[in-house]
Amino acid sequence: MIEKVYNMTDSKEKMVEMLILDENVHYIHMIFNKGEGLPEHFSNSNVYMTVLRGILSIGLGEQEIHEYEKGTVLKIPFNTKMNHVGNKHDELLEITVVKAPAPEKMKKIE
């Protein structure tokens, strides 16, 4: 087999699943129930965030919190402050996060 296959977990519980962490890209799958999310942090690469289901609430830099629905893809630049990343709604939030290039490569580019 030439390809390598990765499977996302189907869950209704909070999870942060590191699917691919290699020298090229980081591909992360996340699920959050109402009131769950990530702590404030700065992006350590270019981040591409896709909303698979639910509504994502996110504050970037110093701007107010915005909300994004299923089917939205966000491109977040390197070293952007990310806060209030999570789910404020009853419906389950499921997202994927792609970091490209992989964060280790970003350190070499700087």
Protein backbone atom coordinates (compact mmCIF):
# COMPACT_ATOMS: atom_id res chain seq x y z
CA MET A 1 0.00 0.00 0.00
CA ILE A 2 1.44 3.36 -1.03
CA GLU A 3 -0.92 5.54 0.98
CA LYS A 4 -1.13 5.82 4.73
CA VAL A 5 -4.68 5.88 6.08
CA TYR A 6 -5.81 7.91 9.09
CA ASN A 7 -9.27 7.61 10.65
CA MET A 8 -10.99 10.31 12.67
CA THR A 9 -12.78 9.13 15.80
CA ASP A 10 -16.56 9.57 15.80
CA SER A 11 -17.43 10.74 19.30
CA LYS A 12 -19.85 12.89 21.27
CA GLU A 13 -17.24 13.54 23.99
CA LYS A 14 -14.56 16.23 24.12
CA MET A 15 -11.43 15.18 22.29
CA VAL A 16 -8.33 16.59 20.66
CA GLU A 17 -7.01 13.94 18.29
CA MET A 18 -3.57 14.42 16.74
CA LEU A 19 -4.02 12.53 13.49
CA ILE A 20 -0.92 13.57 11.58
CA LEU A 21 2.15 15.12 13.17
CA ASP A 22 4.96 14.89 10.67
CA GLU A 23 7.62 17.16 9.17
CA ASN A 24 5.18 18.54 6.56
CA VAL A 25 1.90 19.19 8.31
CA HIS A 26 -0.01 18.81 11.56
CA TYR A 27 -3.61 17.62 11.11
CA ILE A 28 -5.74 17.75 14.25
CA HIS A 29 -9.36 16.70 14.83
CA MET A 30 -11.30 18.29 17.71
CA ILE A 31 -14.75 17.81 19.24
CA PHE A 32 -16.22 20.12 21.88
CA ASN A 33 -19.52 20.12 23.75
CA LYS A 34 -21.14 23.35 24.94
CA GLY A 35 -18.76 25.32 27.16
CA GLU A 36 -15.64 23.42 26.06
CA GLY A 37 -12.71 24.66 24.00
CA LEU A 38 -9.04 25.58 23.96
CA PRO A 39 -7.06 27.89 26.26
CA GLU A 40 -5.76 31.19 24.93
CA HIS A 41 -2.63 30.69 22.84
CA PHE A 42 -0.74 32.01 19.82
CA SER A 43 -0.75 30.13 16.52
CA ASN A 44 2.59 28.41 16.02
CA SER A 45 2.16 28.07 12.24
CA ASN A 46 -0.32 29.08 9.56
CA VAL A 47 -3.59 27.53 10.74
CA TYR A 48 -6.45 26.33 8.53
CA MET A 49 -9.52 25.55 10.63
CA THR A 50 -12.57 23.80 9.13
CA VAL A 51 -15.94 23.65 10.88
CA LEU A 52 -17.36 20.17 10.21
CA ARG A 53 -20.45 20.55 12.43
CA GLY A 54 -21.80 23.03 14.93
CA ILE A 55 -20.79 26.67 15.39
CA LEU A 56 -17.22 27.72 16.20
CA SER A 57 -16.72 30.75 18.46
CA ILE A 58 -13.28 32.34 18.20
CA GLY A 59 -11.56 35.60 19.04
CA LEU A 60 -8.43 36.46 17.05
CA GLY A 61 -5.95 39.16 18.04
CA GLU A 62 -7.81 41.89 19.88
CA GLN A 63 -11.03 41.61 17.85
CA GLU A 64 -14.31 40.51 19.39
CA ILE A 65 -15.49 36.91 19.20
CA HIS A 66 -16.86 35.84 15.83
CA GLU A 67 -18.92 32.74 15.09
CA TYR A 68 -18.58 30.42 12.11
CA GLU A 69 -20.96 27.70 10.97
CA LYS A 70 -20.51 24.27 9.39
CA GLY A 71 -18.68 24.42 6.08
CA THR A 72 -16.54 27.45 6.98
CA VAL A 73 -12.77 27.33 6.53
CA LEU A 74 -10.67 29.91 8.38
CA LYS A 75 -7.09 30.83 7.51
CA ILE A 76 -5.29 32.18 10.59
CA PRO A 77 -1.78 33.63 10.17
CA PHE A 78 1.27 32.55 12.14
CA ASN A 79 1.69 34.13 15.61
CA THR A 80 -1.95 35.25 15.92
CA LYS A 81 -3.44 35.40 19.40
CA MET A 82 -6.33 32.91 19.56
CA ASN A 83 -8.77 33.16 22.47
CA HIS A 84 -12.24 31.91 23.32
CA VAL A 85 -11.81 29.07 20.79
CA GLY A 86 -14.69 26.74 21.44
CA ASN A 87 -18.37 25.93 21.59
CA LYS A 88 -20.95 28.28 23.12
CA HIS A 89 -23.94 26.42 21.65
CA ASP A 90 -25.94 23.28 22.43
CA GLU A 91 -24.98 21.50 19.19
CA LEU A 92 -21.71 19.54 19.21
CA LEU A 93 -18.77 21.40 17.62
CA GLU A 94 -16.41 19.40 15.41
CA ILE A 95 -13.43 21.00 13.67
CA THR A 96 -10.22 20.06 11.94
CA VAL A 97 -7.06 22.11 12.25
CA VAL A 98 -4.27 21.96 9.69
CA LYS A 99 -0.96 23.59 10.55
CA ALA A 100 1.22 24.16 7.51
CA PRO A 101 4.08 24.13 7.42
CA ALA A 102 4.50 21.94 10.48
CA PRO A 103 5.35 24.14 13.49
CA GLU A 104 8.92 22.83 13.69
CA LYS A 105 9.49 24.13 10.16
CA MET A 106 8.12 27.57 11.12
CA LYS A 107 10.92 27.89 13.71
CA LYS A 108 13.50 27.32 10.96
CA ILE A 109 11.83 29.90 8.65
CA GLU A 110 11.80 32.74 11.22
